[in-house]
Amino acid sequence: MLVSMLALTLELKLELMLVSMLELMLELMLELMLELMLELMLVSMLTLMLDLMLDLILDLMLDLMSDLMLILLLDWWSDLLL
């Protein structure tokens, strides 16, 4: 009877250790998932910012080119008129 009680106690201790290990693993996995989600959000925000900056740069370049073309056209017209 004493041996069976000791075996039962040992089994319960092992189960408690297993449960605590599983809880720790779950906590670590959740922490890792949260960290990965935050990193993905940061990467997507940076990608969006880069995309917006490139759009802005392209728009500015097109505006400058159109202004330059207009200046060249006006210069050409003034040369023709003179």
N, C-alpha and C. Protein backbone atom coordinates (compact mmCIF):
# COMPACT_ATOMS: atom_id res chain seq x y z
N MET A 1 0.82 -1.19 0.00
CA MET A 1 0.00 0.00 0.00
C MET A 1 0.87 1.26 0.00
N LEU A 2 1.93 1.22 0.80
CA LEU A 2 2.83 2.37 0.86
C LEU A 2 3.52 2.58 -0.49
N VAL A 3 3.89 1.49 -1.13
CA VAL A 3 4.55 1.58 -2.44
C VAL A 3 3.60 2.16 -3.47
N SER A 4 2.33 1.75 -3.44
CA SER A 4 1.37 2.28 -4.41
C SER A 4 1.11 3.76 -4.15
N MET A 5 1.11 4.18 -2.88
CA MET A 5 0.92 5.60 -2.57
C MET A 5 2.13 6.41 -3.04
N LEU A 6 3.32 5.86 -2.85
CA LEU A 6 4.53 6.55 -3.33
C LEU A 6 4.53 6.64 -4.86
N ALA A 7 4.11 5.57 -5.51
CA ALA A 7 4.04 5.58 -6.97
C ALA A 7 3.01 6.60 -7.45
N LEU A 8 1.87 6.67 -6.78
CA LEU A 8 0.84 7.64 -7.14
C LEU A 8 1.33 9.06 -6.92
N THR A 9 2.03 9.29 -5.81
CA THR A 9 2.59 10.62 -5.53
C THR A 9 3.61 11.00 -6.59
N LEU A 10 4.47 10.07 -6.96
CA LEU A 10 5.47 10.32 -8.00
C LEU A 10 4.79 10.62 -9.33
N GLU A 11 3.75 9.86 -9.64
CA GLU A 11 3.02 10.08 -10.89
C GLU A 11 2.38 11.47 -10.90
N LEU A 12 1.79 11.88 -9.77
CA LEU A 12 1.17 13.21 -9.68
C LEU A 12 2.22 14.31 -9.82
N LYS A 13 3.38 14.11 -9.19
CA LYS A 13 4.45 15.10 -9.32
C LYS A 13 4.91 15.21 -10.77
N LEU A 14 5.05 14.08 -11.43
CA LEU A 14 5.47 14.10 -12.84
C LEU A 14 4.43 14.80 -13.71
N GLU A 15 3.15 14.55 -13.44
CA GLU A 15 2.10 15.21 -14.21
C GLU A 15 2.11 16.71 -13.96
N LEU A 16 2.32 17.12 -12.70
CA LEU A 16 2.41 18.55 -12.39
C LEU A 16 3.60 19.20 -13.10
N MET A 17 4.72 18.49 -13.13
CA MET A 17 5.89 19.01 -13.84
C MET A 17 5.59 19.14 -15.32
N LEU A 18 4.92 18.15 -15.89
CA LEU A 18 4.57 18.19 -17.30
C LEU A 18 3.64 19.35 -17.60
N VAL A 19 2.64 19.55 -16.74
CA VAL A 19 1.70 20.66 -16.93
C VAL A 19 2.43 22.00 -16.84
N SER A 20 3.31 22.14 -15.87
CA SER A 20 4.04 23.41 -15.73
C SER A 20 4.97 23.64 -16.93
N MET A 21 5.58 22.57 -17.44
CA MET A 21 6.42 22.71 -18.63
C MET A 21 5.58 23.11 -19.83
N LEU A 22 4.41 22.51 -19.98
CA LEU A 22 3.53 22.87 -21.09
C LEU A 22 3.06 24.32 -20.97
N GLU A 23 2.75 24.76 -19.76
CA GLU A 23 2.35 26.15 -19.55
C GLU A 23 3.48 27.10 -19.94
N LEU A 24 4.69 26.76 -19.54
CA LEU A 24 5.84 27.59 -19.88
C LEU A 24 6.06 27.63 -21.39
N MET A 25 5.96 26.48 -22.04
CA MET A 25 6.11 26.44 -23.50
C MET A 25 5.04 27.27 -24.18
N LEU A 26 3.81 27.18 -23.71
CA LEU A 26 2.72 27.97 -24.29
C LEU A 26 2.97 29.46 -24.10
N GLU A 27 3.42 29.83 -22.92
CA GLU A 27 3.72 31.25 -22.66
C GLU A 27 4.82 31.75 -23.58
N LEU A 28 5.87 30.95 -23.75
CA LEU A 28 6.97 31.35 -24.63
C LEU A 28 6.52 31.43 -26.09
N MET A 29 5.69 30.50 -26.51
CA MET A 29 5.18 30.53 -27.88
C MET A 29 4.31 31.76 -28.12
N LEU A 30 3.46 32.10 -27.16
CA LEU A 30 2.63 33.29 -27.30
C LEU A 30 3.47 34.55 -27.34
N GLU A 31 4.50 34.59 -26.51
CA GLU A 31 5.40 35.75 -26.52
C GLU A 31 6.12 35.86 -27.86
N LEU A 32 6.58 34.74 -28.39
CA LEU A 32 7.25 34.74 -29.68
C LEU A 32 6.31 35.15 -30.80
N MET A 33 5.07 34.65 -30.76
CA MET A 33 4.09 35.03 -31.78
C MET A 33 3.80 36.52 -31.72
N LEU A 34 3.68 37.07 -30.53
CA LEU A 34 3.43 38.51 -30.39
C LEU A 34 4.61 39.31 -30.94
N GLU A 35 5.82 38.86 -30.64
CA GLU A 35 7.00 39.55 -31.15
C GLU A 35 7.05 39.49 -32.67
N LEU A 36 6.75 38.33 -33.24
CA LEU A 36 6.74 38.20 -34.69
C LEU A 36 5.66 39.06 -35.33
N MET A 37 4.50 39.12 -34.70
CA MET A 37 3.43 39.96 -35.23
C MET A 37 3.83 41.43 -35.21
N LEU A 38 4.48 41.86 -34.13
CA LEU A 38 4.93 43.24 -34.06
C LEU A 38 5.99 43.53 -35.12
N GLU A 39 6.89 42.59 -35.34
CA GLU A 39 7.91 42.77 -36.38
C GLU A 39 7.27 42.83 -37.76
N LEU A 40 6.28 41.99 -38.01
CA LEU A 40 5.59 42.03 -39.29
C LEU A 40 4.86 43.35 -39.48
N MET A 41 4.25 43.85 -38.42
CA MET A 41 3.58 45.15 -38.51
C MET A 41 4.59 46.25 -38.81
N LEU A 42 5.75 46.19 -38.17
CA LEU A 42 6.78 47.19 -38.41
C LEU A 42 7.27 47.12 -39.85
N VAL A 43 7.51 45.92 -40.35
CA VAL A 43 7.96 45.76 -41.73
C VAL A 43 6.92 46.27 -42.71
N SER A 44 5.65 45.96 -42.45
CA SER A 44 4.61 46.44 -43.36
C SER A 44 4.48 47.96 -43.30
N MET A 45 4.63 48.55 -42.11
CA MET A 45 4.59 50.01 -42.01
C MET A 45 5.76 50.64 -42.75
N LEU A 46 6.95 50.06 -42.61
CA LEU A 46 8.11 50.59 -43.31
C LEU A 46 7.96 50.44 -44.82
N THR A 47 7.40 49.34 -45.25
CA THR A 47 7.16 49.13 -46.68
C THR A 47 6.18 50.15 -47.21
N LEU A 48 5.13 50.40 -46.46
CA LEU A 48 4.15 51.40 -46.87
C LEU A 48 4.78 52.79 -46.93
N MET A 49 5.59 53.13 -45.93
CA MET A 49 6.25 54.43 -45.94
C MET A 49 7.20 54.56 -47.13
N LEU A 50 7.93 53.51 -47.43
CA LEU A 50 8.83 53.53 -48.57
C LEU A 50 8.06 53.68 -49.87
N ASP A 51 6.96 52.99 -49.99
CA ASP A 51 6.12 53.10 -51.18
C ASP A 51 5.59 54.52 -51.34
N LEU A 52 5.13 55.11 -50.25
CA LEU A 52 4.63 56.49 -50.32
C LEU A 52 5.74 57.47 -50.67
N MET A 53 6.92 57.26 -50.11
CA MET A 53 8.04 58.14 -50.43
C MET A 53 8.43 58.02 -51.90
N LEU A 54 8.45 56.81 -52.42
CA LEU A 54 8.78 56.63 -53.84
C LEU A 54 7.73 57.27 -54.73
N ASP A 55 6.46 57.15 -54.36
CA ASP A 55 5.40 57.81 -55.12
C ASP A 55 5.59 59.32 -55.11
N LEU A 56 5.91 59.86 -53.96
CA LEU A 56 6.12 61.30 -53.85
C LEU A 56 7.31 61.74 -54.69
N ILE A 57 8.40 60.99 -54.63
CA ILE A 57 9.59 61.33 -55.42
C ILE A 57 9.27 61.27 -56.91
N LEU A 58 8.55 60.25 -57.33
CA LEU A 58 8.20 60.14 -58.74
C LEU A 58 7.29 61.29 -59.17
N ASP A 59 6.34 61.65 -58.33
CA ASP A 59 5.46 62.78 -58.65
C ASP A 59 6.25 64.07 -58.78
N LEU A 60 7.17 64.28 -57.86
CA LEU A 60 8.00 65.49 -57.92
C LEU A 60 8.87 65.50 -59.17
N MET A 61 9.43 64.35 -59.51
CA MET A 61 10.26 64.27 -60.72
C MET A 61 9.43 64.55 -61.96
N LEU A 62 8.23 64.01 -62.02
CA LEU A 62 7.37 64.27 -63.17
C LEU A 62 6.98 65.74 -63.25
N ASP A 63 6.70 66.34 -62.12
CA ASP A 63 6.39 67.78 -62.11
C ASP A 63 7.57 68.60 -62.59
N LEU A 64 8.75 68.26 -62.11
CA LEU A 64 9.94 68.98 -62.54
C LEU A 64 10.20 68.80 -64.03
N MET A 65 10.00 67.59 -64.51
CA MET A 65 10.20 67.34 -65.94
C MET A 65 9.18 68.09 -66.77
N SER A 66 7.95 68.14 -66.33
CA SER A 66 6.94 68.87 -67.09
C SER A 66 7.25 70.37 -67.07
N ASP A 67 7.72 70.88 -65.93
CA ASP A 67 8.11 72.29 -65.87
C ASP A 67 9.29 72.56 -66.79
N LEU A 68 10.25 71.68 -66.79
CA LEU A 68 11.41 71.83 -67.66
C LEU A 68 11.00 71.78 -69.13
N MET A 69 10.10 70.88 -69.46
CA MET A 69 9.62 70.80 -70.84
C MET A 69 8.90 72.08 -71.23
N LEU A 70 8.13 72.62 -70.34
CA LEU A 70 7.42 73.87 -70.60
C LEU A 70 8.40 75.02 -70.81
N ILE A 71 9.43 75.07 -69.98
CA ILE A 71 10.45 76.11 -70.13
C ILE A 71 11.16 75.96 -71.46
N LEU A 72 11.52 74.74 -71.81
CA LEU A 72 12.19 74.51 -73.10
C LEU A 72 11.28 74.87 -74.27
N LEU A 73 10.02 74.54 -74.15
CA LEU A 73 9.07 74.87 -75.21
C LEU A 73 8.92 76.39 -75.35
N LEU A 74 8.81 77.09 -74.24
CA LEU A 74 8.70 78.55 -74.28
C LEU A 74 9.97 79.18 -74.84
N ASP A 75 11.10 78.62 -74.47
CA ASP A 75 12.36 79.12 -75.01
C ASP A 75 12.42 78.90 -76.52
N TRP A 76 11.99 77.76 -76.96
CA TRP A 76 11.97 77.46 -78.39
C TRP A 76 11.04 78.42 -79.13
N TRP A 77 9.86 78.67 -78.55
CA TRP A 77 8.91 79.60 -79.16
C TRP A 77 9.48 81.01 -79.21
N SER A 78 10.13 81.41 -78.15
CA SER A 78 10.71 82.76 -78.15
C SER A 78 11.82 82.88 -79.19
N ASP A 79 12.60 81.81 -79.38
CA ASP A 79 13.63 81.82 -80.43
C ASP A 79 12.99 81.90 -81.81
N LEU A 80 11.88 81.23 -81.98
CA LEU A 80 11.20 81.28 -83.27
C LEU A 80 10.62 82.66 -83.56
N LEU A 81 10.12 83.28 -82.54
CA LEU A 81 9.50 84.59 -82.72
C LEU A 81 10.53 85.69 -82.95
N LEU A 82 11.71 85.49 -82.43
CA LEU A 82 12.75 86.50 -82.62
C LEU A 82 13.42 86.25 -83.93
